[in-house]
N, C-alpha and C. Protein backbone atom coordinates (compact mmCIF):
# COMPACT_ATOMS: atom_id res chain seq x y z
N MET A 1 0.88 -1.23 0.05
CA MET A 1 0.14 0.49 0.39
C MET A 1 1.18 0.86 0.44
N LYS A 2 1.43 2.45 -0.27
CA LYS A 2 1.36 3.62 -1.01
C LYS A 2 1.30 4.17 0.84
N ASP A 3 1.99 5.51 0.94
CA ASP A 3 1.30 5.83 1.80
C ASP A 3 -0.13 7.11 2.29
N LEU A 4 -0.47 7.16 1.70
CA LEU A 4 -2.22 7.88 1.35
C LEU A 4 -2.42 7.05 0.37
N ILE A 5 -3.73 6.62 0.17
CA ILE A 5 -4.87 5.99 -0.36
C ILE A 5 -6.29 6.60 0.26
N GLU A 6 -6.55 7.72 -0.78
CA GLU A 6 -7.85 8.41 -1.41
C GLU A 6 -9.29 8.16 -1.74
N ILE A 7 -9.94 8.01 -1.66
CA ILE A 7 -11.34 7.06 -1.87
C ILE A 7 -12.41 7.80 -1.51
N ARG A 8 -13.48 8.44 -2.95
CA ARG A 8 -14.54 8.75 -2.96
C ARG A 8 -15.31 7.67 -2.78
N TRP A 9 -16.35 8.15 -2.64
CA TRP A 9 -17.84 7.02 -2.72
C TRP A 9 -19.28 7.48 -3.49
N HIS A 10 -19.28 7.27 -4.18
CA HIS A 10 -20.70 7.97 -4.79
C HIS A 10 -21.50 6.57 -4.57
N GLY A 11 -23.49 7.31 -3.95
CA GLY A 11 -23.58 6.98 -3.97
C GLY A 11 -25.28 7.66 -4.63
N ARG A 12 -26.44 6.95 -3.61
CA ARG A 12 -28.16 7.54 -3.50
C ARG A 12 -27.90 7.23 -1.47
N GLY A 13 -28.59 8.55 -1.42
CA GLY A 13 -29.24 8.43 -0.04
C GLY A 13 -30.02 7.41 0.74
N GLY A 14 -29.51 6.04 1.84
CA GLY A 14 -29.89 5.43 1.85
C GLY A 14 -29.64 3.81 1.75
N GLN A 15 -28.45 4.27 0.67
CA GLN A 15 -27.42 2.87 0.05
C GLN A 15 -26.57 2.66 0.63
N GLY A 16 -26.29 2.84 1.79
CA GLY A 16 -25.40 3.26 2.73
C GLY A 16 -23.63 3.03 2.46
N ALA A 17 -23.34 4.55 1.70
CA ALA A 17 -22.17 4.82 1.46
C ALA A 17 -21.90 5.32 2.13
N LYS A 18 -22.56 5.93 2.88
CA LYS A 18 -21.78 6.43 4.48
C LYS A 18 -21.40 5.60 5.60
N THR A 19 -21.97 4.98 5.65
CA THR A 19 -22.01 3.46 6.72
C THR A 19 -20.40 2.76 5.95
N ALA A 20 -20.60 2.62 5.14
CA ALA A 20 -20.07 1.98 4.39
C ALA A 20 -17.77 2.36 4.48
N SER A 21 -17.78 3.99 4.32
CA SER A 21 -17.45 4.46 4.26
C SER A 21 -16.67 4.76 5.83
N LEU A 22 -17.32 4.92 6.56
CA LEU A 22 -17.56 4.53 7.30
C LEU A 22 -16.86 2.85 8.59
N LEU A 23 -17.30 2.27 8.44
CA LEU A 23 -16.92 1.28 8.69
C LEU A 23 -15.65 0.18 7.25
N LEU A 24 -14.93 1.08 6.13
CA LEU A 24 -13.92 1.11 6.43
C LEU A 24 -12.12 2.35 7.05
N ALA A 25 -13.52 3.08 7.18
CA ALA A 25 -12.34 4.08 8.23
C ALA A 25 -11.95 2.97 9.95
N ASP A 26 -12.76 2.62 9.74
CA ASP A 26 -12.76 1.75 11.40
C ASP A 26 -11.65 0.42 11.04
N ALA A 27 -11.83 -0.53 9.63
CA ALA A 27 -11.39 -1.73 9.63
C ALA A 27 -10.00 -1.67 9.49
N ALA A 28 -9.58 -0.16 8.82
CA ALA A 28 -7.87 0.42 7.97
C ALA A 28 -7.54 1.13 9.89
N PHE A 29 -8.39 1.33 10.60
CA PHE A 29 -7.55 2.16 11.60
C PHE A 29 -7.57 0.31 12.46
N ASN A 30 -8.12 -0.28 12.92
CA ASN A 30 -7.61 -1.72 13.16
C ASN A 30 -6.70 -2.16 13.48
N THR A 31 -6.29 -1.97 11.85
CA THR A 31 -4.54 -3.14 11.62
C THR A 31 -3.42 -1.55 11.79
N GLY A 32 -4.10 0.25 12.04
CA GLY A 32 -3.05 0.73 12.92
C GLY A 32 -2.40 1.54 12.19
N LYS A 33 -3.08 1.73 10.90
CA LYS A 33 -3.83 3.20 9.78
C LYS A 33 -4.02 4.35 10.45
N TYR A 34 -3.72 5.21 9.91
CA TYR A 34 -4.35 6.54 10.52
C TYR A 34 -5.50 7.02 9.07
N ILE A 35 -6.27 7.05 9.90
CA ILE A 35 -8.10 7.36 9.31
C ILE A 35 -8.49 8.12 8.85
N GLN A 36 -9.50 8.51 7.88
CA GLN A 36 -10.59 9.69 7.80
C GLN A 36 -11.63 9.28 7.00
N GLY A 37 -12.99 9.01 7.54
CA GLY A 37 -14.47 8.77 6.47
C GLY A 37 -15.29 9.76 7.18
N PHE A 38 -16.21 10.24 6.45
CA PHE A 38 -16.66 11.02 6.17
C PHE A 38 -17.75 11.50 5.05
N PRO A 39 -19.15 11.79 5.09
CA PRO A 39 -20.09 12.17 3.95
C PRO A 39 -19.98 13.50 3.53
N GLU A 40 -20.33 13.89 2.51
CA GLU A 40 -21.16 15.68 1.62
C GLU A 40 -22.23 15.12 1.56
N TYR A 41 -23.53 15.88 1.96
CA TYR A 41 -24.59 15.91 1.79
C TYR A 41 -24.86 16.74 0.85
N GLY A 42 -25.91 16.76 -0.56
CA GLY A 42 -26.34 17.22 -0.49
C GLY A 42 -27.68 17.85 -0.26
N PRO A 43 -28.24 17.92 -1.10
CA PRO A 43 -29.78 17.53 -0.12
C PRO A 43 -30.49 16.43 0.50
N GLU A 44 -30.98 16.48 2.05
CA GLU A 44 -30.24 15.45 2.81
C GLU A 44 -31.69 14.27 2.25
N ARG A 45 -32.28 14.21 1.79
CA ARG A 45 -33.40 12.73 1.38
C ARG A 45 -33.08 11.57 1.27
N MET A 46 -34.24 10.77 1.28
CA MET A 46 -34.32 9.04 0.70
C MET A 46 -33.47 9.09 -1.25
N GLY A 47 -32.76 8.50 -1.62
CA GLY A 47 -32.20 9.01 -2.77
C GLY A 47 -31.71 9.78 -3.47
N ALA A 48 -31.14 10.61 -2.93
CA ALA A 48 -30.38 11.57 -3.87
C ALA A 48 -28.99 11.57 -4.57
N PRO A 49 -28.42 12.19 -4.92
CA PRO A 49 -26.92 11.74 -5.30
C PRO A 49 -26.50 12.49 -3.51
N MET A 50 -25.16 11.31 -2.99
CA MET A 50 -24.07 12.14 -1.96
C MET A 50 -23.06 10.84 -2.55
N THR A 51 -22.59 11.86 -1.71
CA THR A 51 -20.65 11.33 -1.65
C THR A 51 -20.23 10.92 -0.10
N ALA A 52 -19.44 10.36 -0.63
CA ALA A 52 -19.28 10.03 0.86
C ALA A 52 -16.80 10.04 0.70
N TYR A 53 -16.11 10.03 1.79
CA TYR A 53 -14.74 9.75 1.45
C TYR A 53 -14.12 9.28 2.34
N ASN A 54 -12.07 9.10 1.93
CA ASN A 54 -11.85 8.10 3.08
C ASN A 54 -10.40 7.81 2.47
N ARG A 55 -9.73 8.79 3.86
CA ARG A 55 -8.23 8.03 3.59
C ARG A 55 -7.62 7.64 4.45
N ILE A 56 -6.66 6.75 3.77
CA ILE A 56 -6.00 5.95 5.13
C ILE A 56 -3.98 6.02 4.82
N SER A 57 -3.81 5.55 5.56
CA SER A 57 -2.19 6.29 5.82
C SER A 57 -1.59 5.30 6.47
N THR A 58 -0.72 5.51 6.32
CA THR A 58 0.25 4.53 7.01
C THR A 58 1.19 5.35 7.97
N ASN A 59 1.24 7.26 7.48
CA ASN A 59 1.34 8.17 8.60
C ASN A 59 0.25 9.28 9.17
N PRO A 60 0.01 9.82 9.96
CA PRO A 60 -0.86 10.34 10.45
C PRO A 60 -1.13 11.80 8.50
N ILE A 61 -2.41 12.29 9.42
CA ILE A 61 -3.03 12.88 7.68
C ILE A 61 -3.54 14.24 8.44
N ARG A 62 -1.76 14.96 7.89
CA ARG A 62 -2.75 16.30 8.03
C ARG A 62 -3.88 17.72 6.44
N VAL A 63 -4.35 16.11 6.21
CA VAL A 63 -5.34 17.74 5.16
C VAL A 63 -6.33 17.33 5.16
N HIS A 64 -7.62 17.81 5.49
CA HIS A 64 -8.92 18.17 6.22
C HIS A 64 -9.81 18.75 5.12
N SER A 65 -10.03 18.67 3.70
CA SER A 65 -10.96 18.90 2.65
C SER A 65 -11.74 17.48 2.39
N ASN A 66 -12.50 17.86 1.24
CA ASN A 66 -12.90 16.66 0.43
C ASN A 66 -11.86 15.75 -0.16
N VAL A 67 -12.33 15.32 -0.69
CA VAL A 67 -11.07 14.10 -2.15
C VAL A 67 -10.88 14.90 -3.09
N TYR A 68 -10.39 15.20 -3.93
CA TYR A 68 -10.73 15.88 -5.32
C TYR A 68 -10.20 15.64 -6.34
N GLU A 69 -9.00 14.22 -6.01
CA GLU A 69 -7.99 13.94 -6.90
C GLU A 69 -8.01 11.82 -5.76
N PRO A 70 -8.88 11.39 -6.19
CA PRO A 70 -8.86 9.84 -5.47
C PRO A 70 -7.88 9.37 -6.55
N ASP A 71 -7.49 8.28 -5.64
CA ASP A 71 -6.37 7.15 -6.13
C ASP A 71 -7.75 6.08 -6.43
N TYR A 72 -9.23 5.79 -6.03
CA TYR A 72 -10.41 5.56 -6.30
C TYR A 72 -11.80 5.53 -5.77
N VAL A 73 -12.76 4.84 -6.76
CA VAL A 73 -13.93 5.43 -7.02
C VAL A 73 -14.86 4.67 -6.60
N VAL A 74 -15.55 4.61 -5.54
CA VAL A 74 -16.58 3.75 -5.42
C VAL A 74 -18.25 4.69 -5.74
N VAL A 75 -18.90 3.13 -6.73
CA VAL A 75 -20.10 3.75 -7.33
C VAL A 75 -21.35 3.26 -6.84
N VAL A 76 -21.59 3.26 -5.62
CA VAL A 76 -23.87 2.01 -5.64
C VAL A 76 -24.42 2.18 -6.24
N ASP A 77 -24.51 3.02 -7.71
CA ASP A 77 -25.11 3.02 -8.13
C ASP A 77 -25.31 3.51 -9.31
N ASP A 78 -25.56 2.32 -10.51
CA ASP A 78 -24.33 2.79 -11.32
C ASP A 78 -26.07 4.13 -12.56
N THR A 79 -26.93 4.16 -11.55
CA THR A 79 -27.91 5.33 -12.52
C THR A 79 -26.87 6.67 -12.77
N LEU A 80 -25.75 6.30 -11.14
CA LEU A 80 -25.08 8.07 -10.82
C LEU A 80 -23.67 8.15 -12.23
N LEU A 81 -23.43 7.33 -13.02
CA LEU A 81 -22.88 7.73 -14.08
C LEU A 81 -23.27 8.49 -14.58
N ALA A 82 -24.18 8.84 -14.86
CA ALA A 82 -24.93 9.29 -16.32
C ALA A 82 -25.25 11.15 -15.63
N ALA A 83 -25.89 10.81 -14.55
CA ALA A 83 -26.18 11.95 -13.32
C ALA A 83 -25.17 12.71 -13.14
N VAL A 84 -23.70 12.16 -12.33
CA VAL A 84 -22.50 12.80 -11.65
C VAL A 84 -21.35 11.99 -12.71
N ASP A 85 -19.85 12.81 -13.15
CA ASP A 85 -19.11 12.95 -12.63
C ASP A 85 -18.07 12.38 -11.99
N VAL A 86 -17.96 10.78 -11.96
CA VAL A 86 -17.51 9.76 -10.95
C VAL A 86 -16.16 10.17 -11.00
N THR A 87 -15.95 10.35 -12.75
CA THR A 87 -14.45 10.13 -12.85
C THR A 87 -14.03 11.60 -12.45
N ALA A 88 -13.81 12.33 -12.50
CA ALA A 88 -13.63 13.76 -12.01
C ALA A 88 -12.26 14.10 -11.24
N GLY A 89 -11.89 13.70 -11.24
CA GLY A 89 -9.86 13.86 -10.37
C GLY A 89 -9.78 12.60 -10.09
N LEU A 90 -10.18 11.70 -10.57
CA LEU A 90 -9.64 10.20 -10.60
C LEU A 90 -8.41 9.60 -11.24
N LYS A 91 -7.14 9.68 -10.63
CA LYS A 91 -6.12 9.10 -10.85
C LYS A 91 -6.08 7.86 -11.88
N GLU A 92 -5.15 7.60 -13.00
CA GLU A 92 -5.69 6.88 -14.14
C GLU A 92 -4.98 5.01 -13.13
N ASP A 93 -3.96 5.34 -12.37
CA ASP A 93 -3.16 4.83 -11.30
C ASP A 93 -3.63 4.44 -11.08
N GLY A 94 -5.45 4.34 -10.13
CA GLY A 94 -6.31 3.43 -9.27
C GLY A 94 -7.04 3.16 -10.30
N ALA A 95 -8.33 3.23 -9.96
CA ALA A 95 -9.77 2.39 -10.03
C ALA A 95 -10.61 2.84 -10.02
N ILE A 96 -12.39 2.73 -10.46
CA ILE A 96 -13.32 2.76 -10.20
C ILE A 96 -13.73 1.54 -10.62
N ILE A 97 -14.68 1.25 -9.15
CA ILE A 97 -15.53 -0.12 -8.96
C ILE A 97 -16.84 0.31 -8.96
N ILE A 98 -17.88 0.07 -9.44
CA ILE A 98 -19.01 -0.43 -10.06
C ILE A 98 -20.26 -1.50 -9.42
N ASN A 99 -20.77 -0.78 -9.14
CA ASN A 99 -22.36 -1.63 -8.65
C ASN A 99 -22.85 -1.82 -10.45
N THR A 100 -23.12 -2.58 -10.56
CA THR A 100 -23.35 -3.27 -12.15
C THR A 100 -23.39 -4.31 -12.87
N THR A 101 -24.27 -4.49 -13.32
CA THR A 101 -24.45 -5.64 -14.37
C THR A 101 -24.28 -5.61 -15.69
N LYS A 102 -23.72 -4.20 -16.27
CA LYS A 102 -23.61 -3.46 -18.06
C LYS A 102 -22.11 -4.32 -17.53
N GLU A 103 -22.38 -4.78 -19.15
CA GLU A 103 -21.34 -5.06 -19.92
C GLU A 103 -20.11 -3.80 -20.71
N ILE A 104 -18.78 -3.93 -20.20
CA ILE A 104 -17.78 -2.50 -20.23
C ILE A 104 -18.15 -1.70 -21.95
N GLU A 105 -18.92 -2.76 -22.44
CA GLU A 105 -19.47 -1.18 -23.73
C GLU A 105 -20.08 -0.35 -23.20
N GLU A 106 -21.15 -0.45 -22.28
CA GLU A 106 -22.25 0.86 -22.24
C GLU A 106 -21.87 1.35 -21.40
N ILE A 107 -20.85 1.06 -19.79
CA ILE A 107 -20.36 1.13 -18.86
C ILE A 107 -18.81 2.38 -19.57
N LYS A 108 -18.31 2.07 -20.61
CA LYS A 108 -17.25 3.26 -21.14
C LYS A 108 -17.47 4.19 -21.59
N PRO A 109 -18.75 4.56 -22.64
CA PRO A 109 -18.97 6.10 -22.54
C PRO A 109 -19.25 7.26 -21.59
N LEU A 110 -20.01 6.50 -20.07
CA LEU A 110 -20.56 7.18 -19.03
C LEU A 110 -19.04 7.13 -18.16
N LEU A 111 -18.11 6.80 -18.61
CA LEU A 111 -16.45 7.12 -18.10
C LEU A 111 -15.93 8.31 -18.10
N LYS A 112 -16.22 8.99 -19.26
CA LYS A 112 -16.01 10.87 -19.54
C LYS A 112 -14.19 10.30 -19.70
N GLY A 113 -14.22 9.13 -20.79
CA GLY A 113 -12.83 9.04 -21.10
C GLY A 113 -11.75 8.93 -20.15
N TYR A 114 -12.07 7.68 -19.15
CA TYR A 114 -10.81 7.53 -18.30
C TYR A 114 -10.42 6.53 -18.84
N LYS A 115 -8.98 6.76 -18.35
CA LYS A 115 -8.39 5.45 -19.03
C LYS A 115 -7.67 3.77 -17.84
N GLY A 116 -7.86 4.63 -17.03
CA GLY A 116 -7.54 4.11 -14.86
C GLY A 116 -7.64 2.60 -15.40
N SER A 117 -7.91 1.35 -14.26
CA SER A 117 -8.58 0.18 -14.73
C SER A 117 -10.38 0.83 -13.70
N VAL A 118 -11.44 -0.62 -14.82
CA VAL A 118 -12.61 -0.65 -14.41
C VAL A 118 -12.53 -1.44 -13.26
N TYR A 119 -13.75 -2.05 -12.58
CA TYR A 119 -13.77 -3.11 -11.65
C TYR A 119 -15.57 -3.20 -11.96
N THR A 120 -15.88 -3.95 -12.13
CA THR A 120 -17.44 -4.33 -11.64
C THR A 120 -17.79 -5.35 -10.67
N ILE A 121 -18.60 -4.87 -9.92
CA ILE A 121 -19.91 -6.32 -8.75
C ILE A 121 -21.14 -5.66 -9.48
N ASP A 122 -22.17 -7.14 -9.34
CA ASP A 122 -23.41 -7.01 -8.97
C ASP A 122 -23.82 -6.90 -7.67
N ALA A 123 -23.82 -6.00 -7.08
CA ALA A 123 -24.13 -5.61 -5.59
C ALA A 123 -25.45 -6.24 -5.11
N ARG A 124 -26.60 -6.00 -6.13
CA ARG A 124 -27.52 -6.10 -5.85
C ARG A 124 -28.09 -7.56 -5.79
N LYS A 125 -27.14 -8.53 -6.37
CA LYS A 125 -27.71 -9.69 -6.80
C LYS A 125 -27.01 -10.93 -5.33
N ILE A 126 -25.69 -9.95 -4.72
CA ILE A 126 -25.27 -10.58 -3.53
C ILE A 126 -26.17 -10.27 -2.65
N SER A 127 -26.35 -9.28 -2.60
CA SER A 127 -27.50 -8.85 -1.48
C SER A 127 -28.82 -9.84 -1.22
N ILE A 128 -28.99 -9.23 -2.26
CA ILE A 128 -30.64 -10.31 -2.06
C ILE A 128 -29.96 -11.51 -2.31
N ASP A 129 -29.28 -12.27 -2.31
CA ASP A 129 -28.74 -13.80 -2.13
C ASP A 129 -28.69 -13.82 -1.23
N THR A 130 -27.72 -13.13 0.23
CA THR A 130 -27.34 -13.29 1.01
C THR A 130 -28.38 -12.57 2.24
N LEU A 131 -29.17 -11.95 2.55
CA LEU A 131 -29.57 -10.67 2.65
C LEU A 131 -31.16 -10.50 2.72
N GLY A 132 -31.31 -10.69 1.32
CA GLY A 132 -32.89 -11.19 1.73
C GLY A 132 -33.54 -9.36 0.86
N LYS A 133 -32.43 -8.43 1.06
CA LYS A 133 -32.82 -7.38 0.61
C LYS A 133 -31.44 -6.45 -0.52
N TYR A 134 -32.05 -4.96 -0.44
CA TYR A 134 -30.97 -4.65 -1.78
C TYR A 134 -30.73 -3.87 -0.25
N PHE A 135 -29.24 -4.61 -0.12
CA PHE A 135 -28.99 -3.48 0.67
C PHE A 135 -26.66 -2.95 0.32
N PRO A 136 -26.62 -2.80 -1.05
CA PRO A 136 -25.35 -2.79 -1.61
C PRO A 136 -23.48 -2.42 -0.91
N ASN A 137 -23.95 -1.90 -0.13
CA ASN A 137 -23.39 -0.94 0.61
C ASN A 137 -21.89 -2.44 1.50
N THR A 138 -22.85 -3.60 1.92
CA THR A 138 -21.93 -4.65 2.29
C THR A 138 -20.90 -4.85 1.45
N PRO A 139 -21.48 -5.43 -0.06
CA PRO A 139 -20.16 -5.39 -1.15
C PRO A 139 -19.53 -5.29 -1.38
N MET A 140 -20.29 -3.68 -1.78
CA MET A 140 -19.11 -2.56 -2.09
C MET A 140 -17.82 -2.69 -1.25
N LEU A 141 -18.74 -2.12 0.22
CA LEU A 141 -17.07 -2.54 0.44
C LEU A 141 -16.20 -3.42 0.75
N ALA A 142 -16.71 -5.00 1.07
CA ALA A 142 -15.84 -5.19 -0.29
C ALA A 142 -14.43 -5.21 -0.90
N ALA A 143 -15.59 -5.30 -2.04
CA ALA A 143 -14.96 -4.92 -3.49
C ALA A 143 -13.66 -3.57 -3.43
N ILE A 144 -14.21 -2.55 -2.63
CA ILE A 144 -13.17 -2.52 -2.78
C ILE A 144 -11.65 -2.70 -1.17
N VAL A 145 -11.97 -3.30 -0.66
CA VAL A 145 -11.13 -3.51 0.57
C VAL A 145 -10.07 -4.96 -0.57
N LYS A 146 -10.81 -5.26 -1.68
CA LYS A 146 -10.38 -6.55 -2.33
C LYS A 146 -9.50 -5.65 -3.32
N VAL A 147 -9.96 -4.24 -4.22
CA VAL A 147 -9.55 -3.87 -5.39
C VAL A 147 -8.37 -3.05 -4.68
N THR A 148 -7.76 -2.72 -3.82
CA THR A 148 -7.01 -1.62 -2.65
C THR A 148 -6.20 -2.17 -2.45
N GLU A 149 -5.99 -3.30 -1.42
CA GLU A 149 -5.43 -4.58 -0.83
C GLU A 149 -5.43 -3.47 0.29
N ILE A 150 -6.40 -2.83 1.09
CA ILE A 150 -5.62 -1.84 2.03
C ILE A 150 -5.58 -2.74 3.84
N MET A 151 -5.95 -4.21 3.28
CA MET A 151 -5.93 -4.98 4.24
C MET A 151 -6.02 -6.41 3.61
N LYS A 152 -5.05 -7.30 4.11
CA LYS A 152 -5.22 -9.45 4.46
C LYS A 152 -6.90 -9.63 3.96
N ASP A 153 -7.97 -10.32 3.06
CA ASP A 153 -8.76 -10.32 3.23
C ASP A 153 -9.24 -10.55 4.20
N GLU A 154 -8.39 -11.65 4.85
CA GLU A 154 -8.85 -12.68 6.36
C GLU A 154 -8.69 -11.58 6.91
N ASP A 155 -7.77 -10.72 7.06
CA ASP A 155 -8.23 -9.65 8.40
C ASP A 155 -9.45 -8.68 8.20
N PHE A 156 -9.77 -8.73 7.33
CA PHE A 156 -11.23 -7.66 6.42
C PHE A 156 -11.76 -8.24 7.60
N ILE A 157 -12.15 -9.88 6.64
CA ILE A 157 -13.64 -10.60 7.68
C ILE A 157 -13.68 -10.90 8.54
N LYS A 158 -12.72 -11.06 9.36
CA LYS A 158 -11.85 -11.19 11.39
C LYS A 158 -12.72 -9.38 11.68
N ASP A 159 -12.57 -8.80 11.20
CA ASP A 159 -12.92 -7.11 11.67
C ASP A 159 -14.59 -6.64 11.61
N MET A 160 -14.74 -7.16 10.22
CA MET A 160 -16.09 -6.87 9.84
C MET A 160 -16.94 -8.35 10.78
N GLU A 161 -16.44 -9.39 10.72
CA GLU A 161 -17.40 -9.84 12.57
C GLU A 161 -17.04 -8.97 13.26
N GLY A 162 -16.12 -8.81 13.58
CA GLY A 162 -16.14 -8.33 15.35
C GLY A 162 -17.37 -7.54 15.26
N SER A 163 -16.91 -6.58 14.81
CA SER A 163 -17.85 -4.86 13.62
C SER A 163 -19.96 -5.43 14.33
N PHE A 164 -19.57 -6.46 13.26
CA PHE A 164 -20.93 -6.70 13.01
C PHE A 164 -21.48 -6.90 14.22
N LYS A 165 -20.90 -8.09 14.83
CA LYS A 165 -21.57 -8.36 16.24
C LYS A 165 -21.66 -6.76 16.99
N HIS A 166 -20.96 -6.28 17.13
CA HIS A 166 -21.47 -4.88 17.65
C HIS A 166 -22.49 -4.38 17.60
N LYS A 167 -22.58 -3.90 16.00
CA LYS A 167 -23.35 -3.07 15.26
C LYS A 167 -24.78 -3.86 15.66
N PHE A 168 -24.92 -4.81 15.45
CA PHE A 168 -26.43 -6.17 15.41
C PHE A 168 -26.40 -6.40 16.38
N SER A 169 -26.04 -6.31 17.63
CA SER A 169 -26.00 -7.67 18.65
C SER A 169 -28.06 -7.10 19.33
N LYS A 170 -28.88 -6.59 18.79
CA LYS A 170 -29.77 -7.09 18.49
C LYS A 170 -30.67 -7.70 17.83
N LYS A 171 -30.19 -7.78 16.69
CA LYS A 171 -30.67 -8.30 15.15
C LYS A 171 -29.13 -9.64 15.13
N PRO A 172 -29.08 -10.71 15.37
CA PRO A 172 -27.78 -11.07 15.33
C PRO A 172 -28.16 -12.41 13.78
N GLU A 173 -29.41 -12.48 13.22
CA GLU A 173 -29.99 -13.31 12.66
C GLU A 173 -29.33 -11.98 11.19
N VAL A 174 -29.04 -10.84 11.21
CA VAL A 174 -28.59 -10.38 9.26
C VAL A 174 -26.53 -10.63 9.90
N ILE A 175 -26.15 -10.99 11.41
CA ILE A 175 -24.95 -11.15 10.81
C ILE A 175 -24.37 -12.02 9.85
N GLU A 176 -24.47 -13.21 9.80
CA GLU A 176 -24.44 -14.14 9.02
C GLU A 176 -24.49 -13.78 8.07
N GLY A 177 -26.27 -13.20 7.08
CA GLY A 177 -26.10 -12.39 5.35
C GLY A 177 -24.88 -11.63 5.54
N ASN A 178 -24.65 -10.58 6.33
CA ASN A 178 -23.56 -9.32 6.09
C ASN A 178 -22.30 -10.74 5.72
N MET A 179 -21.78 -11.33 6.03
CA MET A 179 -20.56 -12.18 6.59
C MET A 179 -20.19 -12.75 5.10
N LYS A 180 -21.50 -13.50 4.92
CA LYS A 180 -21.19 -14.04 3.37
C LYS A 180 -21.32 -13.14 2.22
N ALA A 181 -21.97 -12.19 2.57
CA ALA A 181 -22.69 -11.17 0.63
C ALA A 181 -20.80 -10.67 0.87
N ILE A 182 -19.98 -10.33 2.70
CA ILE A 182 -18.70 -10.13 2.12
C ILE A 182 -18.34 -10.96 1.36
N GLU A 183 -17.55 -12.76 1.92
CA GLU A 183 -17.00 -13.90 1.34
C GLU A 183 -17.44 -13.45 -0.24
N MET A 184 -18.34 -12.97 -0.53
CA MET A 184 -19.00 -13.00 -2.00
C MET A 184 -18.08 -12.03 -2.72
N ALA A 185 -18.74 -10.98 -1.75
CA ALA A 185 -17.85 -10.07 -2.54
C ALA A 185 -16.93 -9.78 -3.04
N LEU A 186 -15.77 -10.05 -1.96
CA LEU A 186 -14.53 -10.40 -2.21
C LEU A 186 -13.21 -11.62 -3.53
N ASN A 187 -14.70 -12.70 -3.62
CA ASN A 187 -14.84 -13.17 -4.64
C ASN A 187 -15.15 -12.57 -6.29
N GLU A 188 -15.94 -12.14 -5.93
CA GLU A 188 -16.29 -12.07 -7.52
C GLU A 188 -16.22 -10.30 -7.98
N VAL A 189 -16.02 -9.27 -7.24
CA VAL A 189 -15.61 -8.79 -8.14
C VAL A 189 -14.81 -8.76 -8.97
N LYS A 190 -14.73 -7.86 -10.54
CA LYS A 190 -12.95 -7.98 -11.29
C LYS A 190 -13.62 -7.20 -12.27
N LYS A 191 -12.43 -6.98 -12.43
CA LYS A 191 -11.40 -6.22 -13.66
C LYS A 191 -11.95 -6.33 -15.14
N VAL A 192 -12.23 -5.30 -15.86
CA VAL A 192 -13.27 -5.39 -17.01
C VAL A 192 -12.14 -4.05 -17.78
N GLN A 193 -11.17 -3.01 -17.67
CA GLN A 193 -10.70 -2.58 -18.47
C GLN A 193 -9.76 -2.73 -17.39
């Protein structure tokens, strides 16, 4: 991992992009890294576009602004590809990870000429298969960990199990589904460009 990784999340209100960015920050912190995880809202309503950010570093982080030139972008909802310039400032030696079932030929025109790596994952199918409902944030969280290699898969799985046990202590039935979603996503995210 390089000294500082910056990540920008694009999602819609209610899809869990903010929660995923905070869970990523917690997991990275638990491996001894310095972290930031924070959201930026426009109109705060369900379904409205929103952005969240992460900075993960091996050194103290001194900058406290939004992320304008991310190493990685996570797109939780592929309808945002046409509505928001998700590749703005994205470094070409990084990558974009998109929750979609579309082929690269359909996606490419929406990426504004971005020439870097593109990964896709079907977070809808994974979450419905494992949780019975559409919660794309857990598979997208696993996908960004896999692509960035911020931590080893087994460390991430162990950390998330502890986090879910704490978060869902009153709803233990959702822990198993979330863990399955993570394991599936780690295996199913794929590079398409």
